[in-house]
Amino acid sequence: MPRQTFFNLPDEKKQILLKAAKKEFTRVSLAEASIANIVKEADIPRGSFYQYFDDKEDLYFYLLNDHLKERREELITNLQKHNGDIFAAVKEMLHSLLREMDEEGIYQFYRNVFLNMDYRTEKAFMNLINYNALDKKYALIKHLINKKNLNVDNDHELFQVVQIVSMVMTENLVQKFGKEMTDEEVIHNYNIQIKLLKRGFVKE
């Protein structure tokens, strides 16, 4: 997490620094990113950077989690729009992400994220729904989900359903970049996988 000194900055200065960071993380992966390039682009002393963040990883995951906060809000909106259908809500979020990736610079940023995923990046995506970090948000999501057509016995199983559907979406985005798949191929594979999950893998 950023230091309090970052949050104390005027919004304009925060946005300049975040824009510079996003530019660098779009250019190269986290491992290759340079703090020197970020502070040069943001026009701040290198020492100031360390007053705001511990290191480039700290800044990277703050930026990534900021993106994912928008996705969490979108999931809530989609659940309201689709009368609690978790499958329709996540599918619309997938479509939205694919459209967003068409924007200049966004595609390469996400490409660097997904092709260089490690346990920390995966954890950030799995925190899209997380009991510990998002209790209040999950309580709202849980309330919005229509459980009538779901074969779940309790809240824990419902939580697992949301996690699994979110993981299917994330994995298809990884495949998009890893295999250079088209949006149509991504959506096609997602639909098949969700259909299989709904149907179940084992014949009675």
N, C-alpha and C. Protein backbone atom coordinates (compact mmCIF):
# COMPACT_ATOMS: atom_id res chain seq x y z
N MET A 1 0.83 -1.20 0.00
CA MET A 1 0.00 0.00 0.00
C MET A 1 0.88 1.26 0.00
N PRO A 2 0.40 2.32 -0.68
CA PRO A 2 1.16 3.58 -0.66
C PRO A 2 1.26 4.13 0.76
N ARG A 3 2.26 4.99 0.96
CA ARG A 3 2.39 5.67 2.24
C ARG A 3 1.34 6.78 2.33
N GLN A 4 1.08 7.24 3.54
CA GLN A 4 0.09 8.28 3.74
C GLN A 4 0.45 9.55 2.98
N THR A 5 1.76 9.78 2.79
CA THR A 5 2.18 10.98 2.06
C THR A 5 1.64 11.00 0.64
N PHE A 6 1.45 9.83 0.04
CA PHE A 6 0.86 9.77 -1.30
C PHE A 6 -0.59 10.22 -1.26
N PHE A 7 -1.34 9.71 -0.29
CA PHE A 7 -2.75 10.07 -0.18
C PHE A 7 -2.94 11.54 0.18
N ASN A 8 -1.93 12.14 0.77
CA ASN A 8 -2.01 13.55 1.13
C ASN A 8 -1.74 14.48 -0.06
N LEU A 9 -1.24 13.91 -1.15
CA LEU A 9 -0.96 14.72 -2.34
C LEU A 9 -2.25 15.27 -2.95
N PRO A 10 -2.19 16.43 -3.58
CA PRO A 10 -3.34 16.90 -4.36
C PRO A 10 -3.67 15.89 -5.45
N ASP A 11 -4.93 15.79 -5.81
CA ASP A 11 -5.37 14.80 -6.80
C ASP A 11 -4.60 14.92 -8.11
N GLU A 12 -4.32 16.15 -8.52
CA GLU A 12 -3.62 16.35 -9.79
C GLU A 12 -2.23 15.71 -9.77
N LYS A 13 -1.51 15.87 -8.66
CA LYS A 13 -0.16 15.30 -8.55
C LYS A 13 -0.22 13.78 -8.46
N LYS A 14 -1.23 13.27 -7.78
CA LYS A 14 -1.39 11.81 -7.72
C LYS A 14 -1.62 11.24 -9.11
N GLN A 15 -2.48 11.90 -9.87
CA GLN A 15 -2.80 11.41 -11.20
C GLN A 15 -1.60 11.48 -12.14
N ILE A 16 -0.77 12.50 -11.99
CA ILE A 16 0.43 12.62 -12.82
C ILE A 16 1.36 11.44 -12.56
N LEU A 17 1.54 11.11 -11.28
CA LEU A 17 2.42 9.99 -10.92
C LEU A 17 1.84 8.67 -11.40
N LEU A 18 0.54 8.47 -11.23
CA LEU A 18 -0.09 7.22 -11.65
C LEU A 18 -0.07 7.09 -13.18
N LYS A 19 -0.25 8.19 -13.87
CA LYS A 19 -0.20 8.17 -15.34
C LYS A 19 1.20 7.80 -15.81
N ALA A 20 2.21 8.33 -15.14
CA ALA A 20 3.59 8.01 -15.49
C ALA A 20 3.89 6.53 -15.25
N ALA A 21 3.37 6.01 -14.12
CA ALA A 21 3.57 4.60 -13.79
C ALA A 21 2.88 3.71 -14.81
N LYS A 22 1.65 4.07 -15.16
CA LYS A 22 0.92 3.26 -16.13
C LYS A 22 1.62 3.25 -17.48
N LYS A 23 2.20 4.37 -17.85
CA LYS A 23 2.94 4.45 -19.11
C LYS A 23 4.12 3.48 -19.09
N GLU A 24 4.84 3.43 -17.96
CA GLU A 24 6.00 2.55 -17.86
C GLU A 24 5.58 1.09 -17.83
N PHE A 25 4.50 0.77 -17.09
CA PHE A 25 4.04 -0.62 -17.00
C PHE A 25 3.35 -1.07 -18.28
N THR A 26 2.99 -0.12 -19.12
CA THR A 26 2.47 -0.44 -20.45
C THR A 26 3.63 -0.73 -21.40
N ARG A 27 4.71 0.00 -21.22
CA ARG A 27 5.88 -0.16 -22.09
C ARG A 27 6.56 -1.50 -21.87
N VAL A 28 6.71 -1.90 -20.59
CA VAL A 28 7.41 -3.14 -20.25
C VAL A 28 6.71 -3.81 -19.07
N SER A 29 7.17 -5.02 -18.76
CA SER A 29 6.63 -5.76 -17.62
C SER A 29 7.10 -5.14 -16.30
N LEU A 30 6.52 -5.59 -15.21
CA LEU A 30 6.93 -5.12 -13.89
C LEU A 30 8.42 -5.36 -13.66
N ALA A 31 8.91 -6.54 -14.04
CA ALA A 31 10.31 -6.88 -13.80
C ALA A 31 11.26 -5.94 -14.53
N GLU A 32 10.85 -5.48 -15.70
CA GLU A 32 11.71 -4.62 -16.52
C GLU A 32 11.49 -3.13 -16.28
N ALA A 33 10.42 -2.80 -15.56
CA ALA A 33 10.06 -1.40 -15.35
C ALA A 33 11.14 -0.68 -14.55
N SER A 34 11.27 0.61 -14.82
CA SER A 34 12.32 1.42 -14.19
C SER A 34 11.71 2.56 -13.39
N ILE A 35 12.08 2.66 -12.12
CA ILE A 35 11.64 3.79 -11.30
C ILE A 35 12.18 5.08 -11.90
N ALA A 36 13.39 5.04 -12.45
CA ALA A 36 13.99 6.22 -13.06
C ALA A 36 13.10 6.78 -14.17
N ASN A 37 12.52 5.90 -14.97
CA ASN A 37 11.63 6.35 -16.05
C ASN A 37 10.35 6.96 -15.49
N ILE A 38 9.84 6.36 -14.43
CA ILE A 38 8.58 6.83 -13.83
C ILE A 38 8.76 8.23 -13.26
N VAL A 39 9.83 8.44 -12.48
CA VAL A 39 10.02 9.75 -11.84
C VAL A 39 10.38 10.81 -12.89
N LYS A 40 11.06 10.41 -13.96
CA LYS A 40 11.37 11.36 -15.03
C LYS A 40 10.09 11.81 -15.72
N GLU A 41 9.22 10.83 -16.01
CA GLU A 41 7.95 11.16 -16.68
C GLU A 41 7.05 12.01 -15.78
N ALA A 42 7.06 11.70 -14.48
CA ALA A 42 6.23 12.43 -13.53
C ALA A 42 6.86 13.75 -13.10
N ASP A 43 8.15 13.93 -13.46
CA ASP A 43 8.89 15.15 -13.11
C ASP A 43 8.95 15.37 -11.60
N ILE A 44 9.35 14.30 -10.89
CA ILE A 44 9.53 14.39 -9.44
C ILE A 44 10.91 13.84 -9.08
N PRO A 45 11.49 14.26 -7.97
CA PRO A 45 12.78 13.70 -7.54
C PRO A 45 12.61 12.23 -7.17
N ARG A 46 13.66 11.44 -7.39
CA ARG A 46 13.60 10.03 -7.05
C ARG A 46 13.30 9.83 -5.56
N GLY A 47 13.87 10.71 -4.73
CA GLY A 47 13.62 10.61 -3.29
C GLY A 47 12.15 10.76 -2.93
N SER A 48 11.45 11.59 -3.71
CA SER A 48 10.02 11.78 -3.46
C SER A 48 9.24 10.49 -3.69
N PHE A 49 9.69 9.72 -4.70
CA PHE A 49 9.01 8.45 -5.00
C PHE A 49 8.96 7.58 -3.75
N TYR A 50 10.07 7.49 -3.05
CA TYR A 50 10.15 6.61 -1.88
C TYR A 50 9.43 7.19 -0.67
N GLN A 51 9.00 8.43 -0.76
CA GLN A 51 8.13 8.98 0.26
C GLN A 51 6.69 8.52 0.06
N TYR A 52 6.40 8.10 -1.18
CA TYR A 52 5.04 7.68 -1.53
C TYR A 52 4.86 6.16 -1.57
N PHE A 53 5.89 5.46 -2.08
CA PHE A 53 5.80 4.01 -2.26
C PHE A 53 7.10 3.35 -1.79
N ASP A 54 6.99 2.11 -1.35
CA ASP A 54 8.19 1.37 -0.92
C ASP A 54 9.10 1.04 -2.08
N ASP A 55 8.48 0.64 -3.21
CA ASP A 55 9.23 0.23 -4.40
C ASP A 55 8.29 0.21 -5.58
N LYS A 56 8.80 -0.22 -6.73
CA LYS A 56 7.95 -0.23 -7.93
C LYS A 56 6.82 -1.25 -7.83
N GLU A 57 7.06 -2.35 -7.09
CA GLU A 57 6.01 -3.36 -6.89
C GLU A 57 4.83 -2.77 -6.13
N ASP A 58 5.14 -1.96 -5.12
CA ASP A 58 4.11 -1.30 -4.33
C ASP A 58 3.22 -0.43 -5.22
N LEU A 59 3.84 0.33 -6.10
CA LEU A 59 3.11 1.19 -7.03
C LEU A 59 2.33 0.37 -8.04
N TYR A 60 2.95 -0.67 -8.55
CA TYR A 60 2.31 -1.53 -9.56
C TYR A 60 1.02 -2.15 -9.04
N PHE A 61 1.08 -2.72 -7.85
CA PHE A 61 -0.09 -3.40 -7.33
C PHE A 61 -1.16 -2.42 -6.84
N TYR A 62 -0.74 -1.24 -6.47
CA TYR A 62 -1.74 -0.21 -6.18
C TYR A 62 -2.50 0.14 -7.45
N LEU A 63 -1.76 0.34 -8.54
CA LEU A 63 -2.37 0.67 -9.82
C LEU A 63 -3.28 -0.45 -10.30
N LEU A 64 -2.81 -1.70 -10.18
CA LEU A 64 -3.59 -2.85 -10.61
C LEU A 64 -4.86 -2.98 -9.78
N ASN A 65 -4.74 -2.84 -8.47
CA ASN A 65 -5.92 -2.95 -7.61
C ASN A 65 -6.91 -1.83 -7.87
N ASP A 66 -6.40 -0.66 -8.28
CA ASP A 66 -7.28 0.44 -8.63
C ASP A 66 -8.14 0.06 -9.84
N HIS A 67 -7.53 -0.64 -10.81
CA HIS A 67 -8.29 -1.14 -11.96
C HIS A 67 -9.34 -2.14 -11.50
N LEU A 68 -8.96 -3.01 -10.59
CA LEU A 68 -9.86 -4.08 -10.16
C LEU A 68 -11.01 -3.55 -9.31
N LYS A 69 -10.81 -2.44 -8.63
CA LYS A 69 -11.91 -1.82 -7.88
C LYS A 69 -13.04 -1.44 -8.83
N GLU A 70 -12.66 -0.94 -10.01
CA GLU A 70 -13.66 -0.59 -11.02
C GLU A 70 -14.42 -1.84 -11.47
N ARG A 71 -13.70 -2.96 -11.58
CA ARG A 71 -14.35 -4.20 -11.99
C ARG A 71 -15.34 -4.68 -10.92
N ARG A 72 -14.99 -4.51 -9.65
CA ARG A 72 -15.89 -4.92 -8.57
C ARG A 72 -17.18 -4.11 -8.62
N GLU A 73 -17.05 -2.81 -8.84
CA GLU A 73 -18.23 -1.95 -8.94
C GLU A 73 -19.07 -2.35 -10.16
N GLU A 74 -18.37 -2.72 -11.22
CA GLU A 74 -19.08 -3.14 -12.45
C GLU A 74 -19.84 -4.44 -12.20
N LEU A 75 -19.27 -5.35 -11.43
CA LEU A 75 -19.95 -6.61 -11.13
C LEU A 75 -21.25 -6.34 -10.38
N ILE A 76 -21.20 -5.43 -9.43
CA ILE A 76 -22.40 -5.08 -8.68
C ILE A 76 -23.47 -4.50 -9.60
N THR A 77 -23.05 -3.59 -10.48
CA THR A 77 -23.98 -2.98 -11.44
C THR A 77 -24.57 -4.04 -12.36
N ASN A 78 -23.73 -4.97 -12.83
CA ASN A 78 -24.21 -6.02 -13.74
C ASN A 78 -25.19 -6.97 -13.06
N LEU A 79 -24.94 -7.28 -11.80
CA LEU A 79 -25.87 -8.15 -11.06
C LEU A 79 -27.23 -7.48 -10.94
N GLN A 80 -27.24 -6.19 -10.69
CA GLN A 80 -28.51 -5.46 -10.60
C GLN A 80 -29.21 -5.45 -11.96
N LYS A 81 -28.44 -5.26 -13.01
CA LYS A 81 -28.98 -5.20 -14.37
C LYS A 81 -29.56 -6.54 -14.81
N HIS A 82 -28.89 -7.65 -14.42
CA HIS A 82 -29.30 -8.99 -14.88
C HIS A 82 -30.08 -9.76 -13.81
N ASN A 83 -30.70 -9.06 -12.90
CA ASN A 83 -31.56 -9.68 -11.89
C ASN A 83 -30.85 -10.79 -11.10
N GLY A 84 -29.58 -10.54 -10.79
CA GLY A 84 -28.86 -11.47 -9.93
C GLY A 84 -28.23 -12.67 -10.63
N ASP A 85 -28.25 -12.69 -11.96
CA ASP A 85 -27.66 -13.81 -12.71
C ASP A 85 -26.14 -13.64 -12.73
N ILE A 86 -25.42 -14.41 -11.92
CA ILE A 86 -23.98 -14.27 -11.80
C ILE A 86 -23.26 -14.58 -13.11
N PHE A 87 -23.81 -15.53 -13.87
CA PHE A 87 -23.18 -15.90 -15.14
C PHE A 87 -23.29 -14.77 -16.16
N ALA A 88 -24.46 -14.16 -16.25
CA ALA A 88 -24.67 -13.05 -17.18
C ALA A 88 -23.86 -11.83 -16.75
N ALA A 89 -23.76 -11.63 -15.44
CA ALA A 89 -23.03 -10.47 -14.91
C ALA A 89 -21.55 -10.55 -15.23
N VAL A 90 -20.95 -11.72 -15.03
CA VAL A 90 -19.52 -11.89 -15.30
C VAL A 90 -19.26 -11.89 -16.80
N LYS A 91 -20.18 -12.47 -17.56
CA LYS A 91 -20.01 -12.46 -19.02
C LYS A 91 -19.99 -11.03 -19.55
N GLU A 92 -20.87 -10.19 -19.03
CA GLU A 92 -20.88 -8.79 -19.48
C GLU A 92 -19.59 -8.09 -19.06
N MET A 93 -19.06 -8.45 -17.90
CA MET A 93 -17.80 -7.87 -17.46
C MET A 93 -16.67 -8.29 -18.40
N LEU A 94 -16.68 -9.52 -18.86
CA LEU A 94 -15.69 -10.00 -19.82
C LEU A 94 -15.77 -9.18 -21.11
N HIS A 95 -16.99 -8.99 -21.62
CA HIS A 95 -17.18 -8.19 -22.82
C HIS A 95 -16.65 -6.77 -22.62
N SER A 96 -16.92 -6.21 -21.45
CA SER A 96 -16.48 -4.86 -21.14
C SER A 96 -14.96 -4.76 -21.11
N LEU A 97 -14.31 -5.74 -20.51
CA LEU A 97 -12.84 -5.76 -20.46
C LEU A 97 -12.25 -5.86 -21.87
N LEU A 98 -12.86 -6.70 -22.69
CA LEU A 98 -12.35 -6.85 -24.06
C LEU A 98 -12.50 -5.56 -24.84
N ARG A 99 -13.61 -4.84 -24.62
CA ARG A 99 -13.79 -3.55 -25.30
C ARG A 99 -12.76 -2.54 -24.78
N GLU A 100 -12.54 -2.55 -23.47
CA GLU A 100 -11.58 -1.62 -22.88
C GLU A 100 -10.18 -1.85 -23.43
N MET A 101 -9.85 -3.11 -23.69
CA MET A 101 -8.52 -3.44 -24.19
C MET A 101 -8.28 -2.96 -25.61
N ASP A 102 -9.36 -2.57 -26.29
CA ASP A 102 -9.21 -2.03 -27.64
C ASP A 102 -8.68 -0.60 -27.61
N GLU A 103 -8.76 0.05 -26.44
CA GLU A 103 -8.31 1.42 -26.33
C GLU A 103 -6.78 1.48 -26.40
N GLU A 104 -6.28 2.57 -26.94
CA GLU A 104 -4.84 2.75 -27.12
C GLU A 104 -4.11 2.65 -25.79
N GLY A 105 -3.12 1.80 -25.72
CA GLY A 105 -2.31 1.65 -24.51
C GLY A 105 -2.85 0.63 -23.54
N ILE A 106 -4.16 0.47 -23.46
CA ILE A 106 -4.75 -0.44 -22.48
C ILE A 106 -4.41 -1.88 -22.82
N TYR A 107 -4.45 -2.22 -24.11
CA TYR A 107 -4.16 -3.60 -24.53
C TYR A 107 -2.79 -4.03 -24.05
N GLN A 108 -1.79 -3.19 -24.30
CA GLN A 108 -0.42 -3.56 -23.93
C GLN A 108 -0.25 -3.62 -22.42
N PHE A 109 -0.93 -2.75 -21.69
CA PHE A 109 -0.86 -2.78 -20.23
C PHE A 109 -1.37 -4.13 -19.71
N TYR A 110 -2.56 -4.53 -20.17
CA TYR A 110 -3.12 -5.81 -19.74
C TYR A 110 -2.30 -6.99 -20.25
N ARG A 111 -1.75 -6.84 -21.43
CA ARG A 111 -0.90 -7.92 -21.97
C ARG A 111 0.29 -8.16 -21.04
N ASN A 112 0.92 -7.08 -20.60
CA ASN A 112 2.03 -7.21 -19.67
C ASN A 112 1.59 -7.82 -18.34
N VAL A 113 0.39 -7.44 -17.90
CA VAL A 113 -0.13 -7.99 -16.64
C VAL A 113 -0.36 -9.49 -16.76
N PHE A 114 -1.10 -9.90 -17.78
CA PHE A 114 -1.51 -11.30 -17.89
C PHE A 114 -0.38 -12.23 -18.29
N LEU A 115 0.54 -11.77 -19.12
CA LEU A 115 1.63 -12.64 -19.56
C LEU A 115 2.75 -12.74 -18.53
N ASN A 116 2.69 -11.91 -17.50
CA ASN A 116 3.70 -11.97 -16.45
C ASN A 116 3.07 -12.19 -15.08
N MET A 117 2.00 -12.96 -15.07
CA MET A 117 1.29 -13.21 -13.82
C MET A 117 2.13 -14.08 -12.89
N ASP A 118 2.15 -13.72 -11.62
CA ASP A 118 2.73 -14.57 -10.59
C ASP A 118 1.69 -14.69 -9.48
N TYR A 119 2.07 -15.27 -8.35
CA TYR A 119 1.07 -15.50 -7.30
C TYR A 119 0.49 -14.19 -6.78
N ARG A 120 1.28 -13.10 -6.80
CA ARG A 120 0.77 -11.82 -6.31
C ARG A 120 -0.26 -11.23 -7.26
N THR A 121 0.01 -11.34 -8.56
CA THR A 121 -0.94 -10.84 -9.54
C THR A 121 -2.22 -11.66 -9.51
N GLU A 122 -2.06 -12.98 -9.43
CA GLU A 122 -3.23 -13.85 -9.36
C GLU A 122 -4.05 -13.55 -8.12
N LYS A 123 -3.38 -13.30 -7.00
CA LYS A 123 -4.08 -12.97 -5.76
C LYS A 123 -4.88 -11.68 -5.91
N ALA A 124 -4.30 -10.72 -6.61
CA ALA A 124 -5.00 -9.45 -6.83
C ALA A 124 -6.30 -9.69 -7.60
N PHE A 125 -6.25 -10.56 -8.62
CA PHE A 125 -7.45 -10.85 -9.40
C PHE A 125 -8.45 -11.67 -8.60
N MET A 126 -7.95 -12.57 -7.77
CA MET A 126 -8.87 -13.36 -6.95
C MET A 126 -9.51 -12.52 -5.86
N ASN A 127 -8.88 -11.39 -5.52
CA ASN A 127 -9.47 -10.48 -4.55
C ASN A 127 -10.61 -9.67 -5.14
N LEU A 128 -10.93 -9.97 -6.40
CA LEU A 128 -12.13 -9.38 -7.00
C LEU A 128 -13.32 -9.66 -6.09
N ILE A 129 -13.31 -10.87 -5.49
CA ILE A 129 -14.29 -11.22 -4.46
C ILE A 129 -13.48 -11.86 -3.34
N ASN A 130 -13.47 -11.23 -2.18
CA ASN A 130 -12.66 -11.75 -1.08
C ASN A 130 -13.33 -11.47 0.25
N TYR A 131 -13.49 -12.52 1.06
CA TYR A 131 -14.15 -12.35 2.35
C TYR A 131 -13.44 -11.34 3.24
N ASN A 132 -12.11 -11.44 3.34
CA ASN A 132 -11.37 -10.63 4.29
C ASN A 132 -11.29 -9.17 3.88
N ALA A 133 -10.94 -8.94 2.61
CA ALA A 133 -10.72 -7.57 2.15
C ALA A 133 -12.00 -6.84 1.79
N LEU A 134 -13.04 -7.58 1.44
CA LEU A 134 -14.23 -6.93 0.90
C LEU A 134 -15.51 -7.44 1.56
N ASP A 135 -15.50 -7.55 2.87
CA ASP A 135 -16.67 -8.11 3.55
C ASP A 135 -17.96 -7.38 3.18
N LYS A 136 -17.92 -6.06 3.24
CA LYS A 136 -19.13 -5.28 2.96
C LYS A 136 -19.55 -5.42 1.50
N LYS A 137 -18.55 -5.39 0.61
CA LYS A 137 -18.85 -5.55 -0.81
C LYS A 137 -19.40 -6.94 -1.10
N TYR A 138 -18.78 -7.95 -0.49
CA TYR A 138 -19.27 -9.30 -0.74
C TYR A 138 -20.67 -9.50 -0.18
N ALA A 139 -20.95 -8.87 0.96
CA ALA A 139 -22.30 -8.97 1.53
C ALA A 139 -23.32 -8.42 0.55
N LEU A 140 -22.98 -7.33 -0.13
CA LEU A 140 -23.88 -6.75 -1.13
C LEU A 140 -24.00 -7.67 -2.33
N ILE A 141 -22.87 -8.21 -2.80
CA ILE A 141 -22.89 -9.11 -3.94
C ILE A 141 -23.71 -10.36 -3.63
N LYS A 142 -23.48 -10.91 -2.43
CA LYS A 142 -24.21 -12.11 -2.00
C LYS A 142 -25.71 -11.85 -1.99
N HIS A 143 -26.07 -10.68 -1.54
CA HIS A 143 -27.48 -10.31 -1.48
C HIS A 143 -28.09 -10.18 -2.88
N LEU A 144 -27.28 -9.72 -3.83
CA LEU A 144 -27.79 -9.46 -5.18
C LEU A 144 -27.92 -10.73 -6.02
N ILE A 145 -27.11 -11.75 -5.73
CA ILE A 145 -27.11 -12.96 -6.55
C ILE A 145 -28.43 -13.72 -6.39
N ASN A 146 -29.01 -14.07 -7.52
CA ASN A 146 -30.23 -14.89 -7.53
C ASN A 146 -29.83 -16.35 -7.31
N LYS A 147 -30.22 -16.90 -6.16
CA LYS A 147 -29.78 -18.26 -5.79
C LYS A 147 -30.78 -19.34 -6.20
N LYS A 148 -31.91 -18.94 -6.77
CA LYS A 148 -32.97 -19.90 -7.07
C LYS A 148 -32.52 -21.00 -8.02
N ASN A 149 -31.68 -20.64 -8.99
CA ASN A 149 -31.25 -21.63 -9.99
C ASN A 149 -29.84 -22.17 -9.72
N LEU A 150 -29.29 -21.86 -8.54
CA LEU A 150 -27.95 -22.34 -8.21
C LEU A 150 -28.04 -23.51 -7.24
N ASN A 151 -27.24 -24.53 -7.51
CA ASN A 151 -27.23 -25.71 -6.66
C ASN A 151 -26.21 -25.53 -5.53
N VAL A 152 -26.54 -24.63 -4.60
CA VAL A 152 -25.65 -24.34 -3.47
C VAL A 152 -26.44 -24.51 -2.17
N ASP A 153 -25.73 -24.95 -1.13
CA ASP A 153 -26.39 -25.21 0.16
C ASP A 153 -26.13 -24.14 1.20
N ASN A 154 -25.10 -23.31 0.99
CA ASN A 154 -24.77 -22.32 2.00
C ASN A 154 -23.95 -21.19 1.38
N ASP A 155 -23.64 -20.20 2.20
CA ASP A 155 -22.90 -19.02 1.72
C ASP A 155 -21.50 -19.38 1.23
N HIS A 156 -20.88 -20.35 1.89
CA HIS A 156 -19.53 -20.72 1.48
C HIS A 156 -19.54 -21.30 0.08
N GLU A 157 -20.51 -22.13 -0.23
CA GLU A 157 -20.60 -22.70 -1.58
C GLU A 157 -20.92 -21.61 -2.60
N LEU A 158 -21.76 -20.66 -2.21
CA LEU A 158 -22.07 -19.55 -3.11
C LEU A 158 -20.81 -18.75 -3.42
N PHE A 159 -20.01 -18.51 -2.40
CA PHE A 159 -18.74 -17.81 -2.57
C PHE A 159 -17.85 -18.54 -3.56
N GLN A 160 -17.80 -19.87 -3.46
CA GLN A 160 -16.97 -20.67 -4.37
C GLN A 160 -17.47 -20.57 -5.80
N VAL A 161 -18.78 -20.50 -5.99
CA VAL A 161 -19.33 -20.34 -7.33
C VAL A 161 -18.83 -19.04 -7.95
N VAL A 162 -18.90 -17.97 -7.19
CA VAL A 162 -18.46 -16.67 -7.69
C VAL A 162 -16.96 -16.71 -8.02
N GLN A 163 -16.19 -17.35 -7.15
CA GLN A 163 -14.75 -17.47 -7.39
C GLN A 163 -14.47 -18.25 -8.67
N ILE A 164 -15.15 -19.36 -8.85
CA ILE A 164 -14.91 -20.21 -10.01
C ILE A 164 -15.26 -19.48 -11.31
N VAL A 165 -16.41 -18.82 -11.32
CA VAL A 165 -16.82 -18.10 -12.53
C VAL A 165 -15.83 -16.98 -12.83
N SER A 166 -15.36 -16.29 -11.79
CA SER A 166 -14.37 -15.22 -11.99
C SER A 166 -13.05 -15.79 -12.51
N MET A 167 -12.66 -16.97 -12.01
CA MET A 167 -11.42 -17.60 -12.47
C MET A 167 -11.51 -18.02 -13.93
N VAL A 168 -12.68 -18.49 -14.35
CA VAL A 168 -12.86 -18.86 -15.76
C VAL A 168 -12.66 -17.64 -16.64
N MET A 169 -13.24 -16.51 -16.23
CA MET A 169 -13.07 -15.27 -16.99
C MET A 169 -11.59 -14.88 -17.06
N THR A 170 -10.91 -14.89 -15.91
CA THR A 170 -9.51 -14.49 -15.85
C THR A 170 -8.63 -15.39 -16.70
N GLU A 171 -8.85 -16.70 -16.63
CA GLU A 171 -8.05 -17.65 -17.40
C GLU A 171 -8.21 -17.42 -18.90
N ASN A 172 -9.42 -17.09 -19.33
CA ASN A 172 -9.63 -16.83 -20.75
C ASN A 172 -8.92 -15.56 -21.20
N LEU A 173 -8.79 -14.58 -20.31
CA LEU A 173 -8.02 -13.38 -20.65
C LEU A 173 -6.54 -13.71 -20.75
N VAL A 174 -6.06 -14.58 -19.87
CA VAL A 174 -4.66 -15.03 -19.97
C VAL A 174 -4.43 -15.73 -21.31
N GLN A 175 -5.37 -16.59 -21.69
CA GLN A 175 -5.25 -17.31 -22.96
C GLN A 175 -5.29 -16.36 -24.15
N LYS A 176 -6.06 -15.28 -24.04
CA LYS A 176 -6.13 -14.31 -25.13
C LYS A 176 -4.74 -13.80 -25.49
N PHE A 177 -3.97 -13.47 -24.48
CA PHE A 177 -2.64 -12.92 -24.73
C PHE A 177 -1.61 -14.02 -24.98
N GLY A 178 -1.72 -15.12 -24.24
CA GLY A 178 -0.75 -16.18 -24.39
C GLY A 178 -0.81 -16.84 -25.75
N LYS A 179 -2.03 -16.97 -26.28
CA LYS A 179 -2.22 -17.64 -27.57
C LYS A 179 -2.64 -16.67 -28.67
N GLU A 180 -2.63 -15.37 -28.34
CA GLU A 180 -3.03 -14.33 -29.29
C GLU A 180 -4.39 -14.64 -29.91
N MET A 181 -5.34 -14.93 -29.05
CA MET A 181 -6.69 -15.26 -29.50
C MET A 181 -7.50 -14.00 -29.80
N THR A 182 -8.45 -14.12 -30.71
CA THR A 182 -9.36 -13.01 -30.99
C THR A 182 -10.39 -12.90 -29.86
N ASP A 183 -11.07 -11.76 -29.80
CA ASP A 183 -12.13 -11.60 -28.82
C ASP A 183 -13.21 -12.65 -29.00
N GLU A 184 -13.51 -12.94 -30.26
CA GLU A 184 -14.56 -13.93 -30.55
C GLU A 184 -14.18 -15.31 -30.02
N GLU A 185 -12.91 -15.67 -30.16
CA GLU A 185 -12.44 -16.96 -29.65
C GLU A 185 -12.50 -17.00 -28.12
N VAL A 186 -12.14 -15.90 -27.49
CA VAL A 186 -12.19 -15.82 -26.04
C VAL A 186 -13.62 -16.02 -25.54
N ILE A 187 -14.54 -15.30 -26.14
CA ILE A 187 -15.95 -15.40 -25.73
C ILE A 187 -16.51 -16.79 -26.01
N HIS A 188 -16.14 -17.35 -27.16
CA HIS A 188 -16.59 -18.70 -27.51
C HIS A 188 -16.14 -19.71 -26.46
N ASN A 189 -14.86 -19.68 -26.10
CA ASN A 189 -14.33 -20.61 -25.10
C ASN A 189 -14.97 -20.39 -23.74
N TYR A 190 -15.16 -19.13 -23.37
CA TYR A 190 -15.81 -18.82 -22.09
C TYR A 190 -17.21 -19.42 -22.06
N ASN A 191 -17.97 -19.24 -23.13
CA ASN A 191 -19.34 -19.76 -23.17
C ASN A 191 -19.37 -21.28 -23.03
N ILE A 192 -18.45 -21.96 -23.70
CA ILE A 192 -18.39 -23.42 -23.60
C ILE A 192 -18.07 -23.85 -22.17
N GLN A 193 -17.09 -23.21 -21.55
CA GLN A 193 -16.69 -23.58 -20.20
C GLN A 193 -17.80 -23.33 -19.18
N ILE A 194 -18.50 -22.22 -19.32
CA ILE A 194 -19.62 -21.93 -18.42
C ILE A 194 -20.75 -22.93 -18.64
N LYS A 195 -20.98 -23.29 -19.90
CA LYS A 195 -22.01 -24.29 -20.21
C LYS A 195 -21.68 -25.62 -19.54
N LEU A 196 -20.41 -26.02 -19.59
CA LEU A 196 -19.99 -27.27 -18.96
C LEU A 196 -20.14 -27.19 -17.44
N LEU A 197 -19.81 -26.05 -16.86
CA LEU A 197 -19.97 -25.89 -15.41
C LEU A 197 -21.43 -25.99 -15.01
N LYS A 198 -22.29 -25.36 -15.77
CA LYS A 198 -23.72 -25.40 -15.47
C LYS A 198 -24.27 -26.82 -15.57
N ARG A 199 -23.78 -27.54 -16.58
CA ARG A 199 -24.28 -28.89 -16.82
C ARG A 199 -23.68 -29.91 -15.85
N GLY A 200 -22.44 -29.65 -15.44
CA GLY A 200 -21.74 -30.60 -14.57
C GLY A 200 -20.91 -31.56 -15.41
N PHE A 201 -19.85 -32.08 -14.84
CA PHE A 201 -18.92 -32.92 -15.57
C PHE A 201 -19.24 -34.42 -15.50
N VAL A 202 -19.99 -34.82 -14.51
CA VAL A 202 -20.19 -36.26 -14.25
C VAL A 202 -21.65 -36.64 -14.49
N LYS A 203 -21.86 -37.70 -15.26
CA LYS A 203 -23.22 -38.18 -15.48
C LYS A 203 -23.73 -38.92 -14.24
N GLU A 204 -24.96 -38.67 -13.90
CA GLU A 204 -25.55 -39.37 -12.75
C GLU A 204 -25.86 -40.82 -13.12
